[in-house]
Every structure is written in structure tokens, then in C-alpha cells.
Amino acid sequence: DTIAPDSLWSYELGGKFRLADGKLLVDIAAYLTDWSNIQIPFLTNAGLPAVVNGGDAQIKGIDLGITWITPLAGLSLTGIANINDAKFRNVNPALAAALPTAQNGSKLPNVPKGNFTLAANYSGRLSDTVKLNLYAAYAYRDRQQDLASGLFSANIDMLTLRAGLEFDKLRIDAFAENLLNERGPALTTLTAVQPVYPRRIGVSASFKY
């Protein structure tokens, strides 16, 4: 069959606010997206890949970001979050018969229901020539579902830490990424599993010239 182009209308209303004498920064937005003629890949009964216009979807959500510049000089705290409701509508009956996961009202594939990040950042001088930089962040992502298989990925928890010294032209940082050693998987399909990059601990150096 001929594959028609998909299209979408997206509406967003939000604002950026500077509160508490500039110490509290808030970004917030609500959005609505109507998505039509979604092009959906799937496997036929013969095991061959195919694409079909599977139907429509509606996505509603809220994005929120808050940064607090604390009374402690050089320290800021940040929180970022997204919550959404993304569902199929007007699903192609032939696709619905082939894929139990593609039904009116079912969740769009590979779209986590929510995710958030909490971070702390500090930068301050130890002397006229040396600056201390500290960073810590925790990130969470809800599980996602693969359309063809119905399989779910894992909820993802990631913890990152960094500490470094910055001189006039030299910067040295110690880092730990995925400190919790989250294994995932980040994505699971009928034919593949995408793991999460394992825990990494190390030191980096950069030089300005």
C-alpha cells in the first residue's frame, strides 16, 4: 500500500518566571499534540518488515523546570520533570488485529510516562588561581513498551557525580557515571536489547591554550 505522510498539530502554553529577587527560576509549559496518519513499522506474519499508516494519537503533557540559586554562594539546585499521556486513537483495524499493543486508548510505544532529573551544582574559588567544581545528578525514566513485541524496558535510575579543580589553563575532574550500575535494558524488542552503559569511574583533564 502507499504510505501517506503523517502530520501533527502541536499547541503549547507556558511561561518563564524569575521569582524571589531572581533566586528562583521557573519554566513551565503544558502542551497538546494531535498526530495523524502515524507511520508504524511492524513485522508481517511472514516475518518481513513493513510500514503502515496505523492511525492517530493524542499527546498531552507538562514540562517543568525549577532552579534555586541558594544563599550559599556558588550553589544551585535544579529539578526538571515531564509527565505525559500519549495514546492511540482511530487505530487502523488491520493493524489492531495484528498488534494487540496498537489499540484505541493504548499507550504510544517508546514513550515513557514520565521522567525527572534532580541536580546540584557548586562552583567556588579556593584561591585566586584555583576554583572547585562539584556536580551531582539523579535521573529517572519510566519504562517504555515496544510496539511489535509488547515487551517493556526497565525503569532507569542514573546517578552521576563529578568533582574537579580548575586552574588558569588546566582543569582536572574525577567522575562517576551510572554510579548505581543500572543495567536496564533501556529498550527491548523482538530482535534486540539495548543495554545501559555500565558504571564508569575515571579522571579527565583539559588544557586551554
Protein backbone atom coordinates (compact mmCIF):
# COMPACT_ATOMS: atom_id res chain seq x y z
CA ASP A 1 0.00 0.00 0.00
CA THR A 2 1.00 3.60 -0.49
CA ILE A 3 2.21 5.21 2.73
CA ALA A 4 0.68 8.64 3.32
CA PRO A 5 2.71 11.33 5.10
CA ASP A 6 1.95 11.83 8.76
CA SER A 7 1.16 15.26 10.17
CA LEU A 8 0.68 16.89 13.52
CA TRP A 9 -0.69 19.97 15.17
CA SER A 10 1.02 20.98 18.39
CA TYR A 11 -0.21 23.55 20.89
CA GLU A 12 1.85 24.79 23.82
CA LEU A 13 1.25 27.33 26.55
CA GLY A 14 3.89 28.18 29.10
CA GLY A 15 6.00 30.80 30.75
CA LYS A 16 9.34 31.58 32.30
CA PHE A 17 9.36 33.25 35.69
CA ARG A 18 12.08 34.84 37.80
CA LEU A 19 10.98 34.91 41.45
CA ALA A 20 12.42 35.72 44.87
CA ASP A 21 14.63 38.54 43.59
CA GLY A 22 15.99 36.33 40.82
CA LYS A 23 16.92 33.45 43.10
CA LEU A 24 14.16 31.14 41.88
CA LEU A 25 13.82 30.41 38.16
CA VAL A 26 10.73 28.54 36.94
CA ASP A 27 9.98 27.24 33.43
CA ILE A 28 6.61 25.57 32.94
CA ALA A 29 4.68 24.55 29.83
CA ALA A 30 1.60 22.47 29.05
CA TYR A 31 1.24 21.01 25.57
CA LEU A 32 -1.22 19.12 23.39
CA THR A 33 -0.28 17.35 20.16
CA ASP A 34 -2.70 15.78 17.67
CA TRP A 35 -0.76 13.34 15.47
CA SER A 36 -2.42 11.94 12.34
CA ASN A 37 -1.54 9.06 9.97
CA ILE A 38 1.27 7.75 12.15
CA GLN A 39 3.72 5.63 10.15
CA ILE A 40 4.16 2.44 12.18
CA PRO A 41 6.75 -0.27 11.39
CA PHE A 42 5.81 -3.88 12.17
CA LEU A 43 6.58 -7.46 11.17
CA THR A 44 4.20 -9.33 8.90
CA ASN A 45 3.12 -12.92 9.55
CA ALA A 46 5.90 -13.92 7.16
CA GLY A 47 8.43 -12.13 9.37
CA LEU A 48 9.06 -9.35 6.88
CA PRO A 49 9.34 -5.70 7.95
CA ALA A 50 6.55 -3.43 6.78
CA VAL A 51 5.20 0.06 7.44
CA VAL A 52 1.57 1.14 7.56
CA ASN A 53 -0.37 4.28 8.45
CA GLY A 54 -1.54 2.96 11.78
CA GLY A 55 -3.95 5.65 12.91
CA ASP A 56 -3.81 8.76 15.04
CA ALA A 57 -2.63 9.71 18.51
CA GLN A 58 -3.01 12.47 21.04
CA ILE A 59 -0.24 13.51 23.40
CA LYS A 60 -0.84 15.70 26.46
CA GLY A 61 1.86 16.68 28.89
CA ILE A 62 3.53 19.12 31.23
CA ASP A 63 7.20 20.18 31.33
CA LEU A 64 8.53 21.79 34.49
CA GLY A 65 11.96 23.13 35.36
CA ILE A 66 12.94 24.84 38.62
CA THR A 67 16.33 26.25 39.59
CA TRP A 68 17.07 27.63 43.05
CA ILE A 69 20.14 29.81 43.47
CA THR A 70 20.72 29.09 47.14
CA PRO A 71 22.04 31.51 49.79
CA LEU A 72 25.31 29.56 49.73
CA ALA A 73 27.39 31.37 47.12
CA GLY A 74 28.06 29.20 44.08
CA LEU A 75 25.46 26.52 44.88
CA SER A 76 22.36 25.99 42.74
CA LEU A 77 19.75 23.21 42.85
CA THR A 78 17.75 22.18 39.79
CA GLY A 79 14.75 19.96 39.18
CA ILE A 80 13.41 19.06 35.71
CA ALA A 81 10.37 16.86 35.07
CA ASN A 82 7.99 15.74 32.34
CA ILE A 83 4.67 13.94 32.71
CA ASN A 84 2.66 12.97 29.65
CA ASP A 85 -0.30 10.97 28.45
CA ALA A 86 0.30 9.65 24.91
CA LYS A 87 -2.38 7.36 23.49
CA PHE A 88 -3.51 5.85 20.19
CA ARG A 89 -6.77 6.96 18.57
CA ASN A 90 -8.55 5.77 15.42
CA VAL A 91 -6.23 2.79 15.04
CA ASN A 92 -6.19 1.08 11.65
CA PRO A 93 -8.37 -2.05 12.22
CA ALA A 94 -5.94 -4.27 10.27
CA LEU A 95 -3.06 -3.10 12.45
CA ALA A 96 -5.11 -3.53 15.63
CA ALA A 97 -5.84 -7.13 14.60
CA ALA A 98 -2.14 -7.80 14.03
CA LEU A 99 -0.76 -5.99 17.07
CA PRO A 100 -2.53 -6.26 20.44
CA THR A 101 -0.42 -3.30 21.64
CA ALA A 102 -1.90 -0.98 18.97
CA GLN A 103 -5.42 -0.40 20.24
CA ASN A 104 -7.56 2.66 20.72
CA GLY A 105 -6.59 4.11 24.10
CA SER A 106 -3.36 2.15 24.45
CA LYS A 107 -0.10 3.97 25.12
CA LEU A 108 2.21 5.02 22.30
CA PRO A 109 5.32 2.84 22.05
CA ASN A 110 8.71 4.04 23.26
CA VAL A 111 7.21 6.96 25.18
CA PRO A 112 7.90 6.93 28.94
CA LYS A 113 5.00 8.19 31.04
CA GLY A 114 7.36 10.43 32.96
CA ASN A 115 10.95 11.31 33.73
CA PHE A 116 12.74 13.70 36.04
CA THR A 117 16.20 14.91 37.00
CA LEU A 118 17.43 16.40 40.27
CA ALA A 119 20.82 18.11 40.22
CA ALA A 120 23.10 20.14 42.46
CA ASN A 121 25.91 22.28 41.10
CA TYR A 122 28.58 24.15 43.05
CA SER A 123 31.38 26.35 41.81
CA GLY A 124 33.54 28.41 44.13
CA ARG A 125 37.08 29.66 44.45
CA LEU A 126 39.55 28.06 46.80
CA SER A 127 42.05 30.80 45.99
CA ASP A 128 42.70 33.45 43.36
CA THR A 129 44.03 30.79 40.99
CA VAL A 130 42.04 27.64 41.91
CA LYS A 131 38.30 27.01 41.54
CA LEU A 132 36.42 23.99 42.93
CA ASN A 133 33.59 22.48 40.85
CA LEU A 134 31.14 19.90 42.23
CA TYR A 135 28.18 18.32 40.48
CA ALA A 136 25.67 15.61 41.43
CA ALA A 137 22.59 14.49 39.49
CA TYR A 138 19.99 11.76 39.80
CA ALA A 139 17.79 10.97 36.78
CA TYR A 140 14.78 8.65 36.50
CA ARG A 141 12.88 7.45 33.43
CA ASP A 142 9.73 5.32 33.39
CA ARG A 143 9.69 2.10 31.43
CA GLN A 144 8.80 2.04 27.71
CA GLN A 145 6.92 -0.55 25.68
CA ASP A 146 7.95 -1.93 22.30
CA LEU A 147 5.04 -1.93 19.85
CA ALA A 148 5.75 -5.16 17.97
CA SER A 149 6.62 -7.41 20.91
CA GLY A 150 4.75 -5.74 23.76
CA LEU A 151 7.92 -6.08 25.83
CA PHE A 152 8.80 -3.39 28.36
CA SER A 153 12.14 -1.79 29.07
CA ALA A 154 13.19 -1.26 32.67
CA ASN A 155 12.70 1.82 34.80
CA ILE A 156 16.03 3.63 34.56
CA ASP A 157 17.81 5.15 37.59
CA MET A 158 21.04 7.05 36.88
CA LEU A 159 23.36 8.74 39.38
CA THR A 160 26.22 10.97 38.23
CA LEU A 161 28.91 12.61 40.39
CA ARG A 162 31.72 14.97 39.38
CA ALA A 163 34.37 16.84 41.35
CA GLY A 164 37.16 18.91 39.88
CA LEU A 165 39.73 21.63 40.26
CA GLU A 166 40.08 24.39 37.70
CA PHE A 167 43.26 26.41 37.33
CA ASP A 168 44.12 29.20 34.91
CA LYS A 169 44.53 26.88 31.91
CA LEU A 170 44.20 23.38 33.38
CA ARG A 171 41.09 21.57 34.60
CA ILE A 172 41.07 18.13 36.27
CA ASP A 173 37.84 16.27 37.08
CA ALA A 174 37.07 12.99 38.78
CA PHE A 175 33.77 11.49 37.65
CA ALA A 176 31.44 8.60 38.32
CA GLU A 177 28.69 7.96 35.77
CA ASN A 178 25.89 5.45 36.32
CA LEU A 179 27.21 5.03 39.85
CA LEU A 180 24.27 2.76 40.75
CA ASN A 181 25.35 0.48 37.87
CA GLU A 182 21.88 0.47 36.36
CA ARG A 183 21.60 -2.45 33.91
CA GLY A 184 18.36 -1.58 32.13
CA PRO A 185 17.55 -2.58 29.48
CA ALA A 186 16.79 0.86 28.06
CA LEU A 187 14.90 -0.72 25.15
CA THR A 188 13.67 -4.25 24.41
CA THR A 189 12.36 -5.51 21.05
CA LEU A 190 11.74 -8.88 19.41
CA THR A 191 15.23 -8.90 17.93
CA ALA A 192 17.39 -6.70 20.13
CA VAL A 193 18.05 -5.45 23.65
CA GLN A 194 19.65 -2.06 24.22
CA PRO A 195 21.63 -2.12 27.46
CA VAL A 196 22.54 0.87 29.59
CA TYR A 197 26.18 1.93 29.50
CA PRO A 198 27.72 0.38 32.64
CA ARG A 199 29.23 2.21 35.58
CA ARG A 200 32.22 4.37 34.65
CA ILE A 201 34.64 5.90 37.12
CA GLY A 202 37.61 7.92 35.95
CA VAL A 203 39.55 11.14 35.68
CA SER A 204 39.56 13.66 32.84
CA ALA A 205 41.87 16.58 32.15
CA SER A 206 41.59 19.52 29.77
CA PHE A 207 44.01 22.30 28.90
CA LYS A 208 43.34 25.76 27.44
CA TYR A 209 45.92 27.36 25.18
